[in-house]
């Protein structure tokens, strides 16, 4: 798992129709930035917990979503 801070949203005018509800967020992590899918509704500058790879893709049981990084938690403290 990776700890990061939300630094913005990624906007797209076209997307896969079956993509679940959520947003793509730009997240600052140690060593750079990544884009992660956010089903939780996290805000800018919020500290988040991210999982990557097959674990992130397996979260979506109804549809095999092409997602490699998934926000799985919002860190309060």
PDB file of N, CA and C in Angstrom:
ATOM      1  N   UNK A   1       0.835  -1.173   0.000  1.00  0.00           N
ATOM      2  CA  UNK A   1       0.000   0.000   0.000  1.00  0.00           C
ATOM      3  C   UNK A   1       0.882   1.239   0.000  1.00  0.00           C
ATOM      4  N   UNK A   2       0.333   2.306  -0.529  1.00  0.00           N
ATOM      5  CA  UNK A   2       1.080   3.549  -0.710  1.00  0.00           C
ATOM      6  C   UNK A   2       0.326   4.686  -0.046  1.00  0.00           C
ATOM      7  N   UNK A   3       1.049   5.535   0.663  1.00  0.00           N
ATOM      8  CA  UNK A   3       0.472   6.722   1.276  1.00  0.00           C
ATOM      9  C   UNK A   3       0.737   7.908   0.370  1.00  0.00           C
ATOM     10  N   UNK A   4      -0.281   8.738   0.130  1.00  0.00           N
ATOM     11  CA  UNK A   4      -0.110   9.885  -0.747  1.00  0.00           C
ATOM     12  C   UNK A   4      -1.046  11.019  -0.396  1.00  0.00           C
ATOM     13  N   UNK A   5      -0.888  12.138  -1.110  1.00  0.00           N
ATOM     14  CA  UNK A   5      -1.731  13.310  -0.895  1.00  0.00           C
ATOM     15  C   UNK A   5      -2.334  13.732  -2.228  1.00  0.00           C
ATOM     16  N   UNK A   6      -3.659  13.922  -2.234  1.00  0.00           N
ATOM     17  CA  UNK A   6      -4.361  14.344  -3.440  1.00  0.00           C
ATOM     18  C   UNK A   6      -3.915  15.751  -3.809  1.00  0.00           C
ATOM     19  N   UNK A   7      -3.513  15.932  -5.086  1.00  0.00           N
ATOM     20  CA  UNK A   7      -3.056  17.254  -5.535  1.00  0.00           C
ATOM     21  C   UNK A   7      -3.868  17.770  -6.719  1.00  0.00           C
ATOM     22  N   UNK A   8      -4.904  17.053  -7.108  1.00  0.00           N
ATOM     23  CA  UNK A   8      -5.739  17.539  -8.206  1.00  0.00           C
ATOM     24  C   UNK A   8      -6.549  16.428  -8.847  1.00  0.00           C
ATOM     25  N   UNK A   9      -7.417  16.825  -9.770  1.00  0.00           N
ATOM     26  CA  UNK A   9      -8.233  15.882 -10.520  1.00  0.00           C
ATOM     27  C   UNK A   9      -7.711  15.754 -11.943  1.00  0.00           C
ATOM     28  N   UNK A  10      -8.000  14.614 -12.562  1.00  0.00           N
ATOM     29  CA  UNK A  10      -7.680  14.385 -13.956  1.00  0.00           C
ATOM     30  C   UNK A  10      -9.005  14.379 -14.698  1.00  0.00           C
ATOM     31  N   UNK A  11      -9.163  15.271 -15.671  1.00  0.00           N
ATOM     32  CA  UNK A  11     -10.416  15.411 -16.414  1.00  0.00           C
ATOM     33  C   UNK A  11     -10.300  14.728 -17.769  1.00  0.00           C
ATOM     34  N   UNK A  12     -11.394  14.100 -18.182  1.00  0.00           N
ATOM     35  CA  UNK A  12     -11.428  13.421 -19.469  1.00  0.00           C
ATOM     36  C   UNK A  12     -12.799  13.639 -20.108  1.00  0.00           C
ATOM     37  N   UNK A  13     -12.813  13.927 -21.395  1.00  0.00           N
ATOM     38  CA  UNK A  13     -14.092  14.124 -22.072  1.00  0.00           C
ATOM     39  C   UNK A  13     -14.667  12.806 -22.581  1.00  0.00           C
ATOM     40  N   UNK A  14     -13.819  11.783 -22.695  1.00  0.00           N
ATOM     41  CA  UNK A  14     -14.280  10.466 -23.139  1.00  0.00           C
ATOM     42  C   UNK A  14     -13.776   9.421 -22.160  1.00  0.00           C
ATOM     43  N   UNK A  15     -14.600   8.405 -21.918  1.00  0.00           N
ATOM     44  CA  UNK A  15     -14.212   7.327 -21.017  1.00  0.00           C
ATOM     45  C   UNK A  15     -14.994   6.059 -21.362  1.00  0.00           C
ATOM     46  N   UNK A  16     -14.596   4.963 -20.788  1.00  0.00           N
ATOM     47  CA  UNK A  16     -15.291   3.693 -20.967  1.00  0.00           C
ATOM     48  C   UNK A  16     -16.628   3.780 -20.234  1.00  0.00           C
ATOM     49  N   UNK A  17     -17.704   3.478 -20.930  1.00  0.00           N
ATOM     50  CA  UNK A  17     -19.049   3.636 -20.355  1.00  0.00           C
ATOM     51  C   UNK A  17     -19.282   2.808 -19.100  1.00  0.00           C
ATOM     52  N   UNK A  18     -18.721   1.625 -19.032  1.00  0.00           N
ATOM     53  CA  UNK A  18     -18.961   0.750 -17.889  1.00  0.00           C
ATOM     54  C   UNK A  18     -18.076   1.061 -16.684  1.00  0.00           C
ATOM     55  N   UNK A  19     -17.252   2.085 -16.787  1.00  0.00           N
ATOM     56  CA  UNK A  19     -16.393   2.457 -15.669  1.00  0.00           C
ATOM     57  C   UNK A  19     -17.263   2.824 -14.473  1.00  0.00           C
ATOM     58  N   UNK A  20     -16.962   2.307 -13.282  1.00  0.00           N
ATOM     59  CA  UNK A  20     -17.787   2.583 -12.110  1.00  0.00           C
ATOM     60  C   UNK A  20     -17.780   4.073 -11.734  1.00  0.00           C
ATOM     61  N   UNK A  21     -18.706   4.459 -10.851  1.00  0.00           N
ATOM     62  CA  UNK A  21     -18.755   5.837 -10.370  1.00  0.00           C
ATOM     63  C   UNK A  21     -17.481   6.152  -9.589  1.00  0.00           C
ATOM     64  N   UNK A  22     -16.930   7.306  -9.835  1.00  0.00           N
ATOM     65  CA  UNK A  22     -15.714   7.724  -9.150  1.00  0.00           C
ATOM     66  C   UNK A  22     -14.991   8.766  -9.977  1.00  0.00           C
ATOM     67  N   UNK A  23     -13.798   9.101  -9.543  1.00  0.00           N
ATOM     68  CA  UNK A  23     -13.009  10.121 -10.237  1.00  0.00           C
ATOM     69  C   UNK A  23     -11.556   9.676 -10.291  1.00  0.00           C
ATOM     70  N   UNK A  24     -10.850  10.187 -11.283  1.00  0.00           N
ATOM     71  CA  UNK A  24      -9.408   9.968 -11.339  1.00  0.00           C
ATOM     72  C   UNK A  24      -8.728  11.165 -10.683  1.00  0.00           C
ATOM     73  N   UNK A  25      -7.894  10.885  -9.699  1.00  0.00           N
ATOM     74  CA  UNK A  25      -7.208  11.941  -8.970  1.00  0.00           C
ATOM     75  C   UNK A  25      -5.704  11.825  -9.154  1.00  0.00           C
ATOM     76  N   UNK A  26      -5.047  12.969  -9.210  1.00  0.00           N
ATOM     77  CA  UNK A  26      -3.591  13.018  -9.245  1.00  0.00           C
ATOM     78  C   UNK A  26      -3.123  13.020  -7.797  1.00  0.00           C
ATOM     79  N   UNK A  27      -2.259  12.073  -7.458  1.00  0.00           N
ATOM     80  CA  UNK A  27      -1.819  11.893  -6.080  1.00  0.00           C
ATOM     81  C   UNK A  27      -0.301  11.998  -6.017  1.00  0.00           C
ATOM     82  N   UNK A  28       0.169  12.807  -5.098  1.00  0.00           N
ATOM     83  CA  UNK A  28       1.605  12.953  -4.870  1.00  0.00           C
ATOM     84  C   UNK A  28       2.046  11.857  -3.907  1.00  0.00           C
ATOM     85  N   UNK A  29       3.032  11.081  -4.340  1.00  0.00           N
ATOM     86  CA  UNK A  29       3.595  10.028  -3.503  1.00  0.00           C
ATOM     87  C   UNK A  29       5.103  10.239  -3.423  1.00  0.00           C
ATOM     88  N   UNK A  30       5.737   9.508  -2.549  1.00  0.00           N
ATOM     89  CA  UNK A  30       7.192   9.598  -2.452  1.00  0.00           C
ATOM     90  C   UNK A  30       7.808   9.166  -3.784  1.00  0.00           C
ATOM     91  N   UNK A  31       8.574  10.035  -4.381  1.00  0.00           N
ATOM     92  CA  UNK A  31       9.216   9.717  -5.652  1.00  0.00           C
ATOM     93  C   UNK A  31       8.470  10.195  -6.884  1.00  0.00           C
ATOM     94  N   UNK A  32       7.335  10.885  -6.724  1.00  0.00           N
ATOM     95  CA  UNK A  32       6.631  11.377  -7.908  1.00  0.00           C
ATOM     96  C   UNK A  32       5.134  11.489  -7.713  1.00  0.00           C
ATOM     97  N   UNK A  33       4.404  11.368  -8.813  1.00  0.00           N
ATOM     98  CA  UNK A  33       2.943  11.463  -8.814  1.00  0.00           C
ATOM     99  C   UNK A  33       2.359  10.272  -9.551  1.00  0.00           C
ATOM    100  N   UNK A  34       1.135   9.885  -9.167  1.00  0.00           N
ATOM    101  CA  UNK A  34       0.408   8.855  -9.896  1.00  0.00           C
ATOM    102  C   UNK A  34      -1.042   9.305 -10.048  1.00  0.00           C
ATOM    103  N   UNK A  35      -1.750   8.657 -10.957  1.00  0.00           N
ATOM    104  CA  UNK A  35      -3.179   8.867 -11.109  1.00  0.00           C
ATOM    105  C   UNK A  35      -3.860   7.639 -10.520  1.00  0.00           C
ATOM    106  N   UNK A  36      -4.796   7.872  -9.598  1.00  0.00           N
ATOM    107  CA  UNK A  36      -5.497   6.774  -8.937  1.00  0.00           C
ATOM    108  C   UNK A  36      -6.999   6.974  -9.056  1.00  0.00           C
ATOM    109  N   UNK A  37      -7.732   5.875  -9.176  1.00  0.00           N
ATOM    110  CA  UNK A  37      -9.184   5.938  -9.233  1.00  0.00           C
ATOM    111  C   UNK A  37      -9.719   6.077  -7.811  1.00  0.00           C
ATOM    112  N   UNK A  38     -10.673   6.997  -7.634  1.00  0.00           N
ATOM    113  CA  UNK A  38     -11.216   7.302  -6.319  1.00  0.00           C
ATOM    114  C   UNK A  38     -12.717   7.033  -6.257  1.00  0.00           C
ATOM    115  N   UNK A  39     -13.137   5.895  -5.668  1.00  0.00           N
ATOM    116  CA  UNK A  39     -14.566   5.634  -5.509  1.00  0.00           C
ATOM    117  C   UNK A  39     -15.137   6.244  -4.226  1.00  0.00           C
ATOM    118  N   UNK A  40     -14.283   6.869  -3.416  1.00  0.00           N
ATOM    119  CA  UNK A  40     -14.695   7.367  -2.102  1.00  0.00           C
ATOM    120  C   UNK A  40     -15.131   8.824  -2.086  1.00  0.00           C
ATOM    121  N   UNK A  41     -14.700   9.617  -3.060  1.00  0.00           N
ATOM    122  CA  UNK A  41     -15.026  11.039  -3.066  1.00  0.00           C
ATOM    123  C   UNK A  41     -14.062  11.875  -2.253  1.00  0.00           C
ATOM    124  N   UNK A  42     -12.783  11.585  -2.343  1.00  0.00           N
ATOM    125  CA  UNK A  42     -11.765  12.312  -1.582  1.00  0.00           C
ATOM    126  C   UNK A  42     -11.591  13.738  -2.102  1.00  0.00           C
ATOM    127  N   UNK A  43     -11.139  14.615  -1.210  1.00  0.00           N
ATOM    128  CA  UNK A  43     -10.974  16.032  -1.536  1.00  0.00           C
ATOM    129  C   UNK A  43      -9.512  16.363  -1.814  1.00  0.00           C
ATOM    130  N   UNK A  44      -9.303  17.542  -2.395  1.00  0.00           N
ATOM    131  CA  UNK A  44      -7.961  18.046  -2.650  1.00  0.00           C
ATOM    132  C   UNK A  44      -7.206  18.197  -1.325  1.00  0.00           C
ATOM    133  N   UNK A  45      -5.926  17.853  -1.327  1.00  0.00           N
ATOM    134  CA  UNK A  45      -5.016  17.922  -0.180  1.00  0.00           C
ATOM    135  C   UNK A  45      -5.309  16.876   0.894  1.00  0.00           C
ATOM    136  N   UNK A  46      -6.174  15.935   0.592  1.00  0.00           N
ATOM    137  CA  UNK A  46      -6.486  14.862   1.534  1.00  0.00           C
ATOM    138  C   UNK A  46      -5.418  13.770   1.455  1.00  0.00           C
ATOM    139  N   UNK A  47      -5.045  13.217   2.589  1.00  0.00           N
ATOM    140  CA  UNK A  47      -4.084  12.121   2.631  1.00  0.00           C
ATOM    141  C   UNK A  47      -4.846  10.817   2.411  1.00  0.00           C
ATOM    142  N   UNK A  48      -4.351  10.007   1.482  1.00  0.00           N
ATOM    143  CA  UNK A  48      -5.062   8.789   1.086  1.00  0.00           C
ATOM    144  C   UNK A  48      -4.147   7.576   1.092  1.00  0.00           C
ATOM    145  N   UNK A  49      -4.774   6.416   1.128  1.00  0.00           N
ATOM    146  CA  UNK A  49      -4.078   5.139   1.053  1.00  0.00           C
ATOM    147  C   UNK A  49      -4.443   4.491  -0.276  1.00  0.00           C
ATOM    148  N   UNK A  50      -3.425   4.040  -1.007  1.00  0.00           N
ATOM    149  CA  UNK A  50      -3.609   3.524  -2.371  1.00  0.00           C
ATOM    150  C   UNK A  50      -3.089   2.094  -2.461  1.00  0.00           C
ATOM    151  N   UNK A  51      -3.796   1.277  -3.227  1.00  0.00           N
ATOM    152  CA  UNK A  51      -3.301  -0.047  -3.583  1.00  0.00           C
ATOM    153  C   UNK A  51      -3.141  -0.076  -5.103  1.00  0.00           C
ATOM    154  N   UNK A  52      -2.253  -0.935  -5.586  1.00  0.00           N
ATOM    155  CA  UNK A  52      -1.977  -0.993  -7.019  1.00  0.00           C
ATOM    156  C   UNK A  52      -2.034  -2.412  -7.542  1.00  0.00           C
ATOM    157  N   UNK A  53      -2.049  -2.512  -8.863  1.00  0.00           N
ATOM    158  CA  UNK A  53      -1.951  -3.803  -9.546  1.00  0.00           C
ATOM    159  C   UNK A  53      -3.236  -4.604  -9.526  1.00  0.00           C
ATOM    160  N   UNK A  54      -3.091  -5.921  -9.468  1.00  0.00           N
ATOM    161  CA  UNK A  54      -4.244  -6.820  -9.570  1.00  0.00           C
ATOM    162  C   UNK A  54      -5.218  -6.645  -8.408  1.00  0.00           C
ATOM    163  N   UNK A  55      -4.724  -6.238  -7.259  1.00  0.00           N
ATOM    164  CA  UNK A  55      -5.606  -5.999  -6.111  1.00  0.00           C
ATOM    165  C   UNK A  55      -6.555  -4.846  -6.420  1.00  0.00           C
ATOM    166  N   UNK A  56      -6.050  -3.792  -7.048  1.00  0.00           N
ATOM    167  CA  UNK A  56      -6.885  -2.643  -7.411  1.00  0.00           C
ATOM    168  C   UNK A  56      -7.932  -3.050  -8.446  1.00  0.00           C
ATOM    169  N   UNK A  57      -7.553  -3.803  -9.442  1.00  0.00           N
ATOM    170  CA  UNK A  57      -8.479  -4.223 -10.495  1.00  0.00           C
ATOM    171  C   UNK A  57      -9.521  -5.203  -9.962  1.00  0.00           C
ATOM    172  N   UNK A  58      -9.156  -6.048  -9.008  1.00  0.00           N
ATOM    173  CA  UNK A  58     -10.058  -7.061  -8.464  1.00  0.00           C
ATOM    174  C   UNK A  58     -11.166  -6.460  -7.601  1.00  0.00           C
ATOM    175  N   UNK A  59     -11.033  -5.204  -7.203  1.00  0.00           N
ATOM    176  CA  UNK A  59     -12.059  -4.535  -6.396  1.00  0.00           C
ATOM    177  C   UNK A  59     -13.389  -4.483  -7.134  1.00  0.00           C
ATOM    178  N   UNK A  60     -13.335  -4.375  -8.457  1.00  0.00           N
ATOM    179  CA  UNK A  60     -14.537  -4.246  -9.270  1.00  0.00           C
ATOM    180  C   UNK A  60     -15.000  -5.633  -9.703  1.00  0.00           C
ATOM    181  N   UNK A  61     -16.020  -6.159  -9.045  1.00  0.00           N
ATOM    182  CA  UNK A  61     -16.461  -7.530  -9.294  1.00  0.00           C
ATOM    183  C   UNK A  61     -17.433  -7.642 -10.468  1.00  0.00           C
ATOM    184  N   UNK A  62     -18.215  -6.592 -10.735  1.00  0.00           N
ATOM    185  CA  UNK A  62     -19.202  -6.645 -11.820  1.00  0.00           C
ATOM    186  C   UNK A  62     -18.597  -6.416 -13.192  1.00  0.00           C
ATOM    187  N   UNK A  63     -17.444  -5.768 -13.226  1.00  0.00           N
ATOM    188  CA  UNK A  63     -16.839  -5.391 -14.497  1.00  0.00           C
ATOM    189  C   UNK A  63     -15.326  -5.364 -14.317  1.00  0.00           C
ATOM    190  N   UNK A  64     -14.604  -5.926 -15.250  1.00  0.00           N
ATOM    191  CA  UNK A  64     -13.145  -5.925 -15.169  1.00  0.00           C
ATOM    192  C   UNK A  64     -12.650  -4.539 -15.599  1.00  0.00           C
ATOM    193  N   UNK A  65     -12.505  -3.650 -14.643  1.00  0.00           N
ATOM    194  CA  UNK A  65     -12.108  -2.267 -14.908  1.00  0.00           C
ATOM    195  C   UNK A  65     -10.607  -2.181 -15.172  1.00  0.00           C
ATOM    196  N   UNK A  66     -10.213  -1.376 -16.150  1.00  0.00           N
ATOM    197  CA  UNK A  66      -8.789  -1.211 -16.466  1.00  0.00           C
ATOM    198  C   UNK A  66      -8.128  -0.208 -15.514  1.00  0.00           C
ATOM    199  N   UNK A  67      -8.098  -0.560 -14.232  1.00  0.00           N
ATOM    200  CA  UNK A  67      -7.582   0.351 -13.208  1.00  0.00           C
ATOM    201  C   UNK A  67      -6.390  -0.299 -12.526  1.00  0.00           C
ATOM    202  N   UNK A  68      -5.303   0.458 -12.413  1.00  0.00           N
ATOM    203  CA  UNK A  68      -4.073  -0.056 -11.823  1.00  0.00           C
ATOM    204  C   UNK A  68      -3.775   0.556 -10.463  1.00  0.00           C
ATOM    205  N   UNK A  69      -4.394   1.673 -10.113  1.00  0.00           N
ATOM    206  CA  UNK A  69      -4.176   2.309  -8.820  1.00  0.00           C
ATOM    207  C   UNK A  69      -5.533   2.728  -8.268  1.00  0.00           C
ATOM    208  N   UNK A  70      -5.826   2.336  -7.023  1.00  0.00           N
ATOM    209  CA  UNK A  70      -7.134   2.541  -6.426  1.00  0.00           C
ATOM    210  C   UNK A  70      -6.988   3.132  -5.033  1.00  0.00           C
ATOM    211  N   UNK A  71      -7.701   4.224  -4.774  1.00  0.00           N
ATOM    212  CA  UNK A  71      -7.717   4.798  -3.426  1.00  0.00           C
ATOM    213  C   UNK A  71      -8.652   3.955  -2.581  1.00  0.00           C
ATOM    214  N   UNK A  72      -8.126   3.390  -1.490  1.00  0.00           N
ATOM    215  CA  UNK A  72      -8.921   2.499  -0.656  1.00  0.00           C
ATOM    216  C   UNK A  72      -9.193   3.073   0.729  1.00  0.00           C
ATOM    217  N   UNK A  73      -8.622   4.227   1.023  1.00  0.00           N
ATOM    218  CA  UNK A  73      -8.863   4.824   2.336  1.00  0.00           C
ATOM    219  C   UNK A  73      -8.478   6.276   2.385  1.00  0.00           C
ATOM    220  N   UNK A  74      -9.147   6.991   3.282  1.00  0.00           N
ATOM    221  CA  UNK A  74      -8.848   8.394   3.551  1.00  0.00           C
ATOM    222  C   UNK A  74      -8.265   8.442   4.963  1.00  0.00           C
ATOM    223  N   UNK A  75      -7.066   8.969   5.092  1.00  0.00           N
ATOM    224  CA  UNK A  75      -6.372   8.967   6.379  1.00  0.00           C
ATOM    225  C   UNK A  75      -6.748  10.203   7.188  1.00  0.00           C
ATOM    226  N   UNK A  76      -7.279   9.993   8.392  1.00  0.00           N
ATOM    227  CA  UNK A  76      -7.671  11.091   9.262  1.00  0.00           C
ATOM    228  C   UNK A  76      -6.497  11.603  10.099  1.00  0.00           C
ATOM    229  N   UNK A  77      -5.707  10.705  10.639  1.00  0.00           N
ATOM    230  CA  UNK A  77      -4.561  11.091  11.482  1.00  0.00           C
ATOM    231  C   UNK A  77      -3.342  10.281  11.130  1.00  0.00           C
TER     232      UNK A  77
END
